[in-house]
Amino acid sequence: MNRQEIVYWDSLIYNNWIFHLAATKNGLCCLKLPNEPIETLENWVDKHIQHAELVQNTEKMSGYCLQLKEFLQGRRKKFLIDLDLHGTLFQKSVWYRLMKIPYGETSTYFHIAKSLHNPKSSRAVGAANGSNPIPIIIPCHRVIGSDGKLTGYRGGIAFKKTLLALEQFYA
C-alpha cells in the first residue's frame, strides 16, 4: 500500500498518566486517554485516515502537548489549537456542541439532543459522545446523565471525576 499522508504523534506523561496524541497537517485528530496503549492510537489512525503513516515527532506535537499539560495543571481553560475531525456529520455536530459547554459546567445528553433540534436522539448523542476521538479538548467529560449521575467514560468514571473536579476547583 502506498502511504501518502503523514500523521504525527507523541506522548505526554503527566503525573502517572500517559496520553498519546496524533495530528495531521490540519490539526489534532486523536487523543488517547491515560494509559490506553499506543496500539489504540495506531488502530484509530488506520481506520480513519486512509494511507496514513504514523511518525513520532515531538517538535510538531509540542504545542498540543503543552496545552493539554497546562489544562491538566489548571492553567488553561480554553484550547487554542486546530482540530481535524474524522466522523459522520451527526457525530461532528455533537462534538461541536460539546465544545460549547463552558469550562466548569456540565450538560446532559438530552440537553445536547434538544439543542440539536432532535430531543429524541439522546442515545445517538451518547454514542457520538463515546466515539469522540479528541476527549478533554472536545470535553465529553462534561456530559452527565439527566439524573445528575456520572455516566460511562472511556477513561473511566474516576478519571472523569478528576477532570470535573479540576474544572470546578479552578473555575
Protein backbone atom coordinates (compact mmCIF):
# COMPACT_ATOMS: atom_id res chain seq x y z
CA MET A 1 0.00 0.00 0.00
CA ASN A 2 1.26 3.46 -0.88
CA ARG A 3 1.11 5.59 2.27
CA GLN A 4 0.66 9.27 1.47
CA GLU A 5 -0.48 11.28 4.48
CA ILE A 6 1.80 11.70 7.47
CA VAL A 7 0.15 11.67 10.88
CA TYR A 8 2.45 12.93 13.60
CA TRP A 9 2.20 11.62 17.13
CA ASP A 10 3.80 11.93 20.50
CA SER A 11 3.13 11.06 24.12
CA LEU A 12 2.60 13.29 27.10
CA ILE A 13 3.42 11.91 30.51
CA TYR A 14 1.76 13.86 33.30
CA ASN A 15 1.69 12.56 36.87
CA ASN A 16 1.07 8.83 36.44
CA TRP A 17 -0.85 9.30 33.19
CA ILE A 18 0.34 8.65 29.67
CA PHE A 19 -1.56 10.34 26.83
CA HIS A 20 -0.93 9.60 23.15
CA LEU A 21 -1.78 12.40 20.72
CA ALA A 22 -1.87 12.48 16.90
CA ALA A 23 -2.21 15.29 14.40
CA THR A 24 -2.43 15.74 10.65
CA LYS A 25 -1.32 18.83 8.79
CA ASN A 26 -4.83 20.18 9.53
CA GLY A 27 -4.77 19.78 13.31
CA LEU A 28 -5.13 17.42 16.25
CA CYS A 29 -7.11 14.35 15.19
CA CYS A 30 -6.82 11.91 18.07
CA LEU A 31 -6.09 11.88 21.79
CA LYS A 32 -5.93 8.66 23.75
CA LEU A 33 -6.76 8.86 27.43
CA PRO A 34 -4.41 7.79 30.23
CA ASN A 35 -2.69 4.51 29.77
CA GLU A 36 -4.54 3.45 26.61
CA PRO A 37 -1.81 1.57 24.74
CA ILE A 38 -0.20 3.12 21.68
CA GLU A 39 -1.88 0.39 19.61
CA THR A 40 -5.25 2.10 20.18
CA LEU A 41 -3.86 5.23 18.52
CA GLU A 42 -2.41 3.19 15.66
CA ASN A 43 -5.73 1.38 15.17
CA TRP A 44 -7.68 4.67 15.17
CA VAL A 45 -5.39 6.17 12.52
CA ASP A 46 -5.56 3.04 10.35
CA LYS A 47 -9.35 3.10 10.50
CA HIS A 48 -9.96 6.83 9.96
CA ILE A 49 -7.15 8.20 7.80
CA GLN A 50 -6.54 6.40 4.55
CA HIS A 51 -2.94 5.75 3.52
CA ALA A 52 -1.53 7.34 6.68
CA GLU A 53 1.95 6.89 8.01
CA LEU A 54 2.41 7.45 11.75
CA VAL A 55 5.60 9.36 12.52
CA GLN A 56 6.66 10.31 16.04
CA ASN A 57 7.63 13.98 16.09
CA THR A 58 7.98 15.71 19.44
CA GLU A 59 8.56 19.11 17.86
CA LYS A 60 5.41 19.08 15.71
CA MET A 61 3.32 17.82 18.63
CA SER A 62 4.78 20.12 21.29
CA GLY A 63 2.04 22.77 21.10
CA TYR A 64 -0.72 20.20 21.54
CA CYS A 65 1.10 18.51 24.42
CA LEU A 66 1.82 21.86 26.09
CA GLN A 67 -1.83 22.97 26.01
CA LEU A 68 -3.02 19.61 27.34
CA LYS A 69 -0.45 19.78 30.15
CA GLU A 70 -1.50 23.36 31.01
CA PHE A 71 -5.12 22.21 31.19
CA LEU A 72 -4.24 19.33 33.48
CA GLN A 73 -2.28 21.75 35.69
CA GLY A 74 -5.33 24.03 35.90
CA ARG A 75 -3.57 26.82 33.99
CA ARG A 76 -5.66 26.61 30.80
CA LYS A 77 -9.44 26.81 30.42
CA LYS A 78 -9.66 27.01 26.64
CA PHE A 79 -7.71 25.19 23.94
CA LEU A 80 -6.39 27.26 21.05
CA ILE A 81 -5.49 24.54 18.57
CA ASP A 82 -6.73 23.40 15.19
CA LEU A 83 -8.68 20.16 15.07
CA ASP A 84 -9.02 17.66 12.24
CA LEU A 85 -12.27 15.83 13.00
CA HIS A 86 -13.00 12.45 11.43
CA GLY A 87 -16.58 11.26 11.89
CA THR A 88 -20.08 11.41 10.48
CA LEU A 89 -21.96 14.68 10.09
CA PHE A 90 -24.05 13.82 13.15
CA GLN A 91 -21.00 12.96 15.25
CA LYS A 92 -19.33 16.21 14.25
CA SER A 93 -22.47 18.19 15.13
CA VAL A 94 -22.41 16.62 18.61
CA TRP A 95 -18.68 17.27 19.02
CA TYR A 96 -19.06 20.93 18.01
CA ARG A 97 -21.89 21.23 20.54
CA LEU A 98 -19.69 19.67 23.24
CA MET A 99 -17.10 22.37 22.62
CA LYS A 100 -19.74 24.97 23.55
CA ILE A 101 -20.13 23.59 27.09
CA PRO A 102 -18.29 26.15 29.23
CA TYR A 103 -15.34 25.22 31.40
CA GLY A 104 -16.54 24.21 34.85
CA GLU A 105 -20.09 23.42 33.68
CA THR A 106 -21.88 20.25 32.62
CA SER A 107 -24.67 19.36 30.23
CA THR A 108 -26.82 16.28 29.66
CA TYR A 109 -27.31 14.02 26.67
CA PHE A 110 -30.92 15.20 26.48
CA HIS A 111 -29.96 18.88 26.56
CA ILE A 112 -27.46 18.36 23.77
CA ALA A 113 -30.01 16.40 21.71
CA LYS A 114 -32.55 19.19 22.27
CA SER A 115 -30.01 21.85 21.25
CA LEU A 116 -29.51 19.91 18.01
CA HIS A 117 -33.29 20.13 17.42
CA ASN A 118 -33.73 16.40 17.90
CA PRO A 119 -34.77 15.77 21.52
CA LYS A 120 -35.34 12.06 20.88
CA SER A 121 -31.71 11.50 19.88
CA SER A 122 -30.23 11.28 23.40
CA ARG A 123 -28.92 7.76 22.79
CA ALA A 124 -27.35 8.77 19.48
CA VAL A 125 -25.78 11.76 21.23
CA GLY A 126 -24.39 9.35 23.82
CA ALA A 127 -22.93 7.15 21.10
CA ALA A 128 -21.34 10.15 19.36
CA ASN A 129 -20.02 11.35 22.71
CA GLY A 130 -18.48 7.92 23.30
CA SER A 131 -16.77 7.92 19.91
CA ASN A 132 -15.20 11.35 20.42
CA PRO A 133 -11.64 10.97 19.09
CA ILE A 134 -10.30 14.00 20.99
CA PRO A 135 -11.54 13.76 24.58
CA ILE A 136 -10.67 16.56 27.01
CA ILE A 137 -10.14 19.03 24.14
CA ILE A 138 -13.66 18.14 22.96
CA PRO A 139 -14.97 17.98 26.52
CA CYS A 140 -17.13 14.85 26.55
CA HIS A 141 -16.30 14.55 30.26
CA ARG A 142 -18.69 17.48 30.83
CA VAL A 143 -21.72 15.40 29.81
CA ILE A 144 -23.68 13.72 32.60
CA GLY A 145 -26.95 11.84 32.85
CA SER A 146 -30.27 13.70 33.18
CA ASP A 147 -30.43 12.44 36.77
CA GLY A 148 -27.14 14.22 37.55
CA LYS A 149 -25.15 10.99 37.76
CA LEU A 150 -21.85 10.47 36.03
CA THR A 151 -22.24 8.04 33.17
CA GLY A 152 -19.72 5.95 31.25
CA TYR A 153 -16.43 7.43 30.16
CA ARG A 154 -13.74 5.77 28.07
CA GLY A 155 -11.10 6.89 30.55
CA GLY A 156 -13.14 5.52 33.47
CA ILE A 157 -15.51 7.24 35.87
CA ALA A 158 -12.65 8.00 38.30
CA PHE A 159 -10.78 9.95 35.60
CA LYS A 160 -14.00 11.73 34.59
CA LYS A 161 -14.45 12.78 38.25
CA THR A 162 -10.85 14.02 38.29
CA LEU A 163 -11.42 16.19 35.20
CA LEU A 164 -14.69 17.61 36.54
CA ALA A 165 -13.11 18.30 39.95
CA LEU A 166 -10.20 20.04 38.23
CA GLU A 167 -12.59 22.33 36.37
CA GLN A 168 -14.74 23.06 39.40
CA PHE A 169 -11.73 23.82 41.54
CA TYR A 170 -10.15 26.19 39.02
CA ALA A 171 -13.35 27.67 37.57
